[in-house]
PDB file of N, CA and C in Angstrom:
ATOM      1  N   UNK A   1    -141.164 -53.239 -54.684  1.00  0.00           N
ATOM      2  CA  UNK A   1    -141.979 -52.236 -54.035  1.00  0.00           C
ATOM      3  C   UNK A   1    -142.964 -52.917 -53.091  1.00  0.00           C
ATOM      4  N   UNK A   2    -143.065 -52.411 -51.875  1.00  0.00           N
ATOM      5  CA  UNK A   2    -143.921 -52.997 -50.865  1.00  0.00           C
ATOM      6  C   UNK A   2    -145.374 -52.554 -51.068  1.00  0.00           C
ATOM      7  N   UNK A   3    -146.319 -53.485 -50.939  1.00  0.00           N
ATOM      8  CA  UNK A   3    -147.739 -53.158 -51.095  1.00  0.00           C
ATOM      9  C   UNK A   3    -148.207 -52.301 -49.924  1.00  0.00           C
ATOM     10  N   UNK A   4    -149.023 -51.319 -50.237  1.00  0.00           N
ATOM     11  CA  UNK A   4    -149.560 -50.438 -49.196  1.00  0.00           C
ATOM     12  C   UNK A   4    -150.817 -51.053 -48.622  1.00  0.00           C
ATOM     13  N   UNK A   5    -150.899 -51.120 -47.297  1.00  0.00           N
ATOM     14  CA  UNK A   5    -152.066 -51.673 -46.632  1.00  0.00           C
ATOM     15  C   UNK A   5    -153.095 -50.568 -46.427  1.00  0.00           C
ATOM     16  N   UNK A   6    -154.335 -50.853 -46.775  1.00  0.00           N
ATOM     17  CA  UNK A   6    -155.418 -49.889 -46.585  1.00  0.00           C
ATOM     18  C   UNK A   6    -156.287 -50.389 -45.444  1.00  0.00           C
ATOM     19  N   UNK A   7    -156.440 -49.577 -44.419  1.00  0.00           N
ATOM     20  CA  UNK A   7    -157.272 -49.922 -43.272  1.00  0.00           C
ATOM     21  C   UNK A   7    -158.515 -49.042 -43.290  1.00  0.00           C
ATOM     22  N   UNK A   8    -159.657 -49.648 -43.402  1.00  0.00           N
ATOM     23  CA  UNK A   8    -160.903 -48.902 -43.375  1.00  0.00           C
ATOM     24  C   UNK A   8    -161.425 -48.841 -41.949  1.00  0.00           C
ATOM     25  N   UNK A   9    -161.791 -47.673 -41.521  1.00  0.00           N
ATOM     26  CA  UNK A   9    -162.328 -47.497 -40.181  1.00  0.00           C
ATOM     27  C   UNK A   9    -163.802 -47.866 -40.151  1.00  0.00           C
ATOM     28  N   UNK A  10    -164.239 -48.378 -39.020  1.00  0.00           N
ATOM     29  CA  UNK A  10    -165.649 -48.735 -38.839  1.00  0.00           C
ATOM     30  C   UNK A  10    -166.463 -47.532 -38.394  1.00  0.00           C
ATOM     31  N   UNK A  11    -165.824 -46.617 -37.676  1.00  0.00           N
ATOM     32  CA  UNK A  11    -166.520 -45.469 -37.092  1.00  0.00           C
ATOM     33  C   UNK A  11    -165.788 -44.182 -37.430  1.00  0.00           C
ATOM     34  N   UNK A  12    -166.514 -43.077 -37.392  1.00  0.00           N
ATOM     35  CA  UNK A  12    -165.930 -41.751 -37.560  1.00  0.00           C
ATOM     36  C   UNK A  12    -166.401 -40.892 -36.392  1.00  0.00           C
ATOM     37  N   UNK A  13    -165.456 -40.224 -35.740  1.00  0.00           N
ATOM     38  CA  UNK A  13    -165.776 -39.305 -34.645  1.00  0.00           C
ATOM     39  C   UNK A  13    -165.422 -37.886 -35.072  1.00  0.00           C
ATOM     40  N   UNK A  14    -166.359 -36.981 -34.873  1.00  0.00           N
ATOM     41  CA  UNK A  14    -166.117 -35.554 -35.101  1.00  0.00           C
ATOM     42  C   UNK A  14    -166.167 -34.878 -33.734  1.00  0.00           C
ATOM     43  N   UNK A  15    -165.069 -34.235 -33.369  1.00  0.00           N
ATOM     44  CA  UNK A  15    -164.974 -33.583 -32.058  1.00  0.00           C
ATOM     45  C   UNK A  15    -164.851 -32.085 -32.293  1.00  0.00           C
ATOM     46  N   UNK A  16    -165.794 -31.339 -31.740  1.00  0.00           N
ATOM     47  CA  UNK A  16    -165.772 -29.874 -31.832  1.00  0.00           C
ATOM     48  C   UNK A  16    -165.094 -29.317 -30.586  1.00  0.00           C
ATOM     49  N   UNK A  17    -164.025 -28.549 -30.785  1.00  0.00           N
ATOM     50  CA  UNK A  17    -163.306 -27.903 -29.690  1.00  0.00           C
ATOM     51  C   UNK A  17    -163.549 -26.398 -29.741  1.00  0.00           C
ATOM     52  N   UNK A  18    -163.691 -25.795 -28.562  1.00  0.00           N
ATOM     53  CA  UNK A  18    -163.821 -24.344 -28.468  1.00  0.00           C
ATOM     54  C   UNK A  18    -162.437 -23.710 -28.454  1.00  0.00           C
ATOM     55  N   UNK A  19    -162.193 -22.783 -29.378  1.00  0.00           N
ATOM     56  CA  UNK A  19    -160.982 -21.975 -29.413  1.00  0.00           C
ATOM     57  C   UNK A  19    -161.406 -20.522 -29.282  1.00  0.00           C
ATOM     58  N   UNK A  20    -160.460 -19.644 -29.009  1.00  0.00           N
ATOM     59  CA  UNK A  20    -160.799 -18.229 -28.838  1.00  0.00           C
ATOM     60  C   UNK A  20    -161.397 -17.623 -30.103  1.00  0.00           C
ATOM     61  N   UNK A  21    -161.080 -18.196 -31.265  1.00  0.00           N
ATOM     62  CA  UNK A  21    -161.636 -17.675 -32.516  1.00  0.00           C
ATOM     63  C   UNK A  21    -162.846 -18.468 -33.008  1.00  0.00           C
ATOM     64  N   UNK A  22    -163.353 -19.396 -32.204  1.00  0.00           N
ATOM     65  CA  UNK A  22    -164.550 -20.162 -32.561  1.00  0.00           C
ATOM     66  C   UNK A  22    -164.346 -21.661 -32.450  1.00  0.00           C
ATOM     67  N   UNK A  23    -165.290 -22.399 -32.990  1.00  0.00           N
ATOM     68  CA  UNK A  23    -165.276 -23.861 -32.933  1.00  0.00           C
ATOM     69  C   UNK A  23    -164.423 -24.411 -34.080  1.00  0.00           C
ATOM     70  N   UNK A  24    -163.578 -25.379 -33.750  1.00  0.00           N
ATOM     71  CA  UNK A  24    -162.810 -26.113 -34.759  1.00  0.00           C
ATOM     72  C   UNK A  24    -163.128 -27.594 -34.592  1.00  0.00           C
ATOM     73  N   UNK A  25    -163.328 -28.272 -35.705  1.00  0.00           N
ATOM     74  CA  UNK A  25    -163.710 -29.676 -35.692  1.00  0.00           C
ATOM     75  C   UNK A  25    -162.530 -30.552 -36.091  1.00  0.00           C
ATOM     76  N   UNK A  26    -162.326 -31.616 -35.324  1.00  0.00           N
ATOM     77  CA  UNK A  26    -161.333 -32.639 -35.626  1.00  0.00           C
ATOM     78  C   UNK A  26    -162.083 -33.912 -35.980  1.00  0.00           C
ATOM     79  N   UNK A  27    -161.719 -34.535 -37.079  1.00  0.00           N
ATOM     80  CA  UNK A  27    -162.352 -35.782 -37.504  1.00  0.00           C
ATOM     81  C   UNK A  27    -161.333 -36.906 -37.385  1.00  0.00           C
ATOM     82  N   UNK A  28    -161.741 -37.990 -36.723  1.00  0.00           N
ATOM     83  CA  UNK A  28    -160.845 -39.134 -36.518  1.00  0.00           C
ATOM     84  C   UNK A  28    -161.573 -40.420 -36.868  1.00  0.00           C
ATOM     85  N   UNK A  29    -160.869 -41.319 -37.534  1.00  0.00           N
ATOM     86  CA  UNK A  29    -161.408 -42.640 -37.823  1.00  0.00           C
ATOM     87  C   UNK A  29    -161.113 -43.584 -36.670  1.00  0.00           C
ATOM     88  N   UNK A  30    -162.046 -44.458 -36.374  1.00  0.00           N
ATOM     89  CA  UNK A  30    -161.909 -45.421 -35.272  1.00  0.00           C
ATOM     90  C   UNK A  30    -162.206 -46.828 -35.781  1.00  0.00           C
ATOM     91  N   UNK A  31    -161.435 -47.785 -35.306  1.00  0.00           N
ATOM     92  CA  UNK A  31    -161.770 -49.183 -35.580  1.00  0.00           C
ATOM     93  C   UNK A  31    -162.736 -49.683 -34.515  1.00  0.00           C
ATOM     94  N   UNK A  32    -162.520 -49.254 -33.278  1.00  0.00           N
ATOM     95  CA  UNK A  32    -163.376 -49.634 -32.151  1.00  0.00           C
ATOM     96  C   UNK A  32    -163.773 -48.377 -31.401  1.00  0.00           C
ATOM     97  N   UNK A  33    -164.983 -48.340 -30.869  1.00  0.00           N
ATOM     98  CA  UNK A  33    -165.463 -47.163 -30.144  1.00  0.00           C
ATOM     99  C   UNK A  33    -164.610 -46.849 -28.919  1.00  0.00           C
ATOM    100  N   UNK A  34    -164.020 -47.867 -28.321  1.00  0.00           N
ATOM    101  CA  UNK A  34    -163.190 -47.660 -27.131  1.00  0.00           C
ATOM    102  C   UNK A  34    -161.988 -46.760 -27.418  1.00  0.00           C
ATOM    103  N   UNK A  35    -161.578 -46.650 -28.685  1.00  0.00           N
ATOM    104  CA  UNK A  35    -160.450 -45.795 -29.044  1.00  0.00           C
ATOM    105  C   UNK A  35    -160.748 -44.321 -28.805  1.00  0.00           C
ATOM    106  N   UNK A  36    -162.024 -43.958 -28.774  1.00  0.00           N
ATOM    107  CA  UNK A  36    -162.398 -42.557 -28.572  1.00  0.00           C
ATOM    108  C   UNK A  36    -161.861 -42.032 -27.243  1.00  0.00           C
ATOM    109  N   UNK A  37    -161.816 -42.874 -26.237  1.00  0.00           N
ATOM    110  CA  UNK A  37    -161.290 -42.475 -24.925  1.00  0.00           C
ATOM    111  C   UNK A  37    -159.872 -41.930 -25.039  1.00  0.00           C
ATOM    112  N   UNK A  38    -159.002 -42.658 -25.714  1.00  0.00           N
ATOM    113  CA  UNK A  38    -157.610 -42.230 -25.840  1.00  0.00           C
ATOM    114  C   UNK A  38    -157.483 -40.951 -26.661  1.00  0.00           C
ATOM    115  N   UNK A  39    -158.316 -40.811 -27.679  1.00  0.00           N
ATOM    116  CA  UNK A  39    -158.295 -39.592 -28.492  1.00  0.00           C
ATOM    117  C   UNK A  39    -158.675 -38.386 -27.651  1.00  0.00           C
ATOM    118  N   UNK A  40    -159.737 -38.509 -26.869  1.00  0.00           N
ATOM    119  CA  UNK A  40    -160.180 -37.400 -26.022  1.00  0.00           C
ATOM    120  C   UNK A  40    -159.136 -37.087 -24.958  1.00  0.00           C
ATOM    121  N   UNK A  41    -158.582 -38.110 -24.335  1.00  0.00           N
ATOM    122  CA  UNK A  41    -157.591 -37.896 -23.272  1.00  0.00           C
ATOM    123  C   UNK A  41    -156.291 -37.301 -23.791  1.00  0.00           C
ATOM    124  N   UNK A  42    -155.975 -37.500 -25.068  1.00  0.00           N
ATOM    125  CA  UNK A  42    -154.719 -36.977 -25.608  1.00  0.00           C
ATOM    126  C   UNK A  42    -154.782 -35.475 -25.891  1.00  0.00           C
ATOM    127  N   UNK A  43    -155.957 -34.883 -25.752  1.00  0.00           N
ATOM    128  CA  UNK A  43    -156.082 -33.430 -25.843  1.00  0.00           C
ATOM    129  C   UNK A  43    -156.489 -32.943 -27.202  1.00  0.00           C
ATOM    130  N   UNK A  44    -156.820 -31.699 -27.292  1.00  0.00           N
ATOM    131  CA  UNK A  44    -156.823 -30.668 -26.262  1.00  0.00           C
ATOM    132  C   UNK A  44    -157.693 -31.055 -25.049  1.00  0.00           C
ATOM    133  N   UNK A  45    -157.576 -30.280 -24.005  1.00  0.00           N
ATOM    134  CA  UNK A  45    -158.276 -30.546 -22.757  1.00  0.00           C
ATOM    135  C   UNK A  45    -159.751 -30.810 -23.003  1.00  0.00           C
ATOM    136  N   UNK A  46    -160.289 -31.847 -22.347  1.00  0.00           N
ATOM    137  CA  UNK A  46    -161.673 -32.229 -22.601  1.00  0.00           C
ATOM    138  C   UNK A  46    -162.685 -31.178 -22.142  1.00  0.00           C
ATOM    139  N   UNK A  47    -162.280 -30.230 -21.294  1.00  0.00           N
ATOM    140  CA  UNK A  47    -163.196 -29.145 -20.918  1.00  0.00           C
ATOM    141  C   UNK A  47    -163.424 -28.179 -22.080  1.00  0.00           C
ATOM    142  N   UNK A  48    -162.589 -28.259 -23.117  1.00  0.00           N
ATOM    143  CA  UNK A  48    -162.756 -27.410 -24.295  1.00  0.00           C
ATOM    144  C   UNK A  48    -163.660 -28.060 -25.349  1.00  0.00           C
ATOM    145  N   UNK A  49    -164.148 -29.270 -25.086  1.00  0.00           N
ATOM    146  CA  UNK A  49    -165.010 -29.946 -26.053  1.00  0.00           C
ATOM    147  C   UNK A  49    -166.401 -29.339 -26.013  1.00  0.00           C
ATOM    148  N   UNK A  50    -166.888 -28.967 -27.192  1.00  0.00           N
ATOM    149  CA  UNK A  50    -168.247 -28.449 -27.311  1.00  0.00           C
ATOM    150  C   UNK A  50    -169.221 -29.585 -27.632  1.00  0.00           C
ATOM    151  N   UNK A  51    -168.764 -30.522 -28.474  1.00  0.00           N
ATOM    152  CA  UNK A  51    -169.650 -31.608 -28.895  1.00  0.00           C
ATOM    153  C   UNK A  51    -168.826 -32.720 -29.520  1.00  0.00           C
ATOM    154  N   UNK A  52    -169.316 -33.956 -29.375  1.00  0.00           N
ATOM    155  CA  UNK A  52    -168.730 -35.110 -30.047  1.00  0.00           C
ATOM    156  C   UNK A  52    -169.857 -35.830 -30.779  1.00  0.00           C
ATOM    157  N   UNK A  53    -169.608 -36.116 -32.053  1.00  0.00           N
ATOM    158  CA  UNK A  53    -170.554 -36.879 -32.861  1.00  0.00           C
ATOM    159  C   UNK A  53    -169.843 -38.131 -33.362  1.00  0.00           C
ATOM    160  N   UNK A  54    -170.479 -39.292 -33.198  1.00  0.00           N
ATOM    161  CA  UNK A  54    -169.902 -40.555 -33.647  1.00  0.00           C
ATOM    162  C   UNK A  54    -170.928 -41.250 -34.527  1.00  0.00           C
ATOM    163  N   UNK A  55    -170.454 -41.757 -35.644  1.00  0.00           N
ATOM    164  CA  UNK A  55    -171.334 -42.498 -36.543  1.00  0.00           C
ATOM    165  C   UNK A  55    -170.538 -43.507 -37.334  1.00  0.00           C
ATOM    166  N   UNK A  56    -171.232 -44.398 -38.012  1.00  0.00           N
ATOM    167  CA  UNK A  56    -170.525 -45.388 -38.819  1.00  0.00           C
ATOM    168  C   UNK A  56    -169.855 -44.729 -40.012  1.00  0.00           C
ATOM    169  N   UNK A  57    -168.694 -45.241 -40.370  1.00  0.00           N
ATOM    170  CA  UNK A  57    -168.034 -44.781 -41.591  1.00  0.00           C
ATOM    171  C   UNK A  57    -168.877 -45.265 -42.760  1.00  0.00           C
ATOM    172  N   UNK A  58    -168.975 -44.464 -43.782  1.00  0.00           N
ATOM    173  CA  UNK A  58    -169.841 -44.808 -44.926  1.00  0.00           C
ATOM    174  C   UNK A  58    -169.002 -45.339 -46.078  1.00  0.00           C
ATOM    175  N   UNK A  59    -168.692 -46.650 -46.021  1.00  0.00           N
ATOM    176  CA  UNK A  59    -167.927 -47.283 -47.087  1.00  0.00           C
ATOM    177  C   UNK A  59    -168.845 -47.873 -48.149  1.00  0.00           C
ATOM    178  N   UNK A  60    -170.110 -48.029 -47.820  1.00  0.00           N
ATOM    179  CA  UNK A  60    -171.080 -48.618 -48.733  1.00  0.00           C
ATOM    180  C   UNK A  60    -172.430 -47.946 -48.497  1.00  0.00           C
ATOM    181  N   UNK A  61    -173.392 -48.299 -49.305  1.00  0.00           N
ATOM    182  CA  UNK A  61    -174.733 -47.734 -49.141  1.00  0.00           C
ATOM    183  C   UNK A  61    -175.312 -48.157 -47.792  1.00  0.00           C
ATOM    184  N   UNK A  62    -176.050 -47.269 -47.134  1.00  0.00           N
ATOM    185  CA  UNK A  62    -176.665 -47.620 -45.843  1.00  0.00           C
ATOM    186  C   UNK A  62    -177.641 -48.795 -45.996  1.00  0.00           C
ATOM    187  N   UNK A  63    -177.751 -49.574 -44.942  1.00  0.00           N
ATOM    188  CA  UNK A  63    -178.650 -50.721 -44.912  1.00  0.00           C
ATOM    189  C   UNK A  63    -179.770 -50.488 -43.910  1.00  0.00           C
ATOM    190  N   UNK A  64    -180.879 -51.169 -44.106  1.00  0.00           N
ATOM    191  CA  UNK A  64    -181.913 -51.220 -43.078  1.00  0.00           C
ATOM    192  C   UNK A  64    -181.504 -52.290 -42.061  1.00  0.00           C
ATOM    193  N   UNK A  65    -182.156 -52.327 -40.920  1.00  0.00           N
ATOM    194  CA  UNK A  65    -181.871 -53.357 -39.919  1.00  0.00           C
ATOM    195  C   UNK A  65    -182.113 -54.732 -40.523  1.00  0.00           C
ATOM    196  N   UNK A  66    -183.206 -54.875 -41.268  1.00  0.00           N
ATOM    197  CA  UNK A  66    -183.537 -56.167 -41.859  1.00  0.00           C
ATOM    198  C   UNK A  66    -182.480 -56.616 -42.872  1.00  0.00           C
ATOM    199  N   UNK A  67    -181.992 -55.699 -43.676  1.00  0.00           N
ATOM    200  CA  UNK A  67    -180.944 -56.036 -44.653  1.00  0.00           C
ATOM    201  C   UNK A  67    -179.672 -56.472 -43.947  1.00  0.00           C
ATOM    202  N   UNK A  68    -179.298 -55.750 -42.905  1.00  0.00           N
ATOM    203  CA  UNK A  68    -178.069 -56.070 -42.175  1.00  0.00           C
ATOM    204  C   UNK A  68    -178.174 -57.421 -41.478  1.00  0.00           C
ATOM    205  N   UNK A  69    -179.358 -57.748 -40.943  1.00  0.00           N
ATOM    206  CA  UNK A  69    -179.532 -59.025 -40.264  1.00  0.00           C
ATOM    207  C   UNK A  69    -179.488 -60.214 -41.218  1.00  0.00           C
ATOM    208  N   UNK A  70    -179.790 -59.970 -42.491  1.00  0.00           N
ATOM    209  CA  UNK A  70    -179.775 -61.059 -43.459  1.00  0.00           C
ATOM    210  C   UNK A  70    -178.388 -61.333 -44.033  1.00  0.00           C
ATOM    211  N   UNK A  71    -177.403 -60.506 -43.688  1.00  0.00           N
ATOM    212  CA  UNK A  71    -176.043 -60.704 -44.209  1.00  0.00           C
ATOM    213  C   UNK A  71    -175.356 -61.884 -43.556  1.00  0.00           C
TER     214      UNK A  71
END
């Protein structure tokens, strides 16, 4: 049996699209922020985007700047 590879994303993007029945949200994991471009360009049409929110994926407890710099 082949081992399954688990890839953890560094970022999470939530894209709100306007539909005739209201807003629908799509959530996508990203390894690099530059990947967001291809996701948006692949549709639905970017004129239907109401909002995009990007933040770090939460795989561990949040750190302060000082804690992160000491790693």
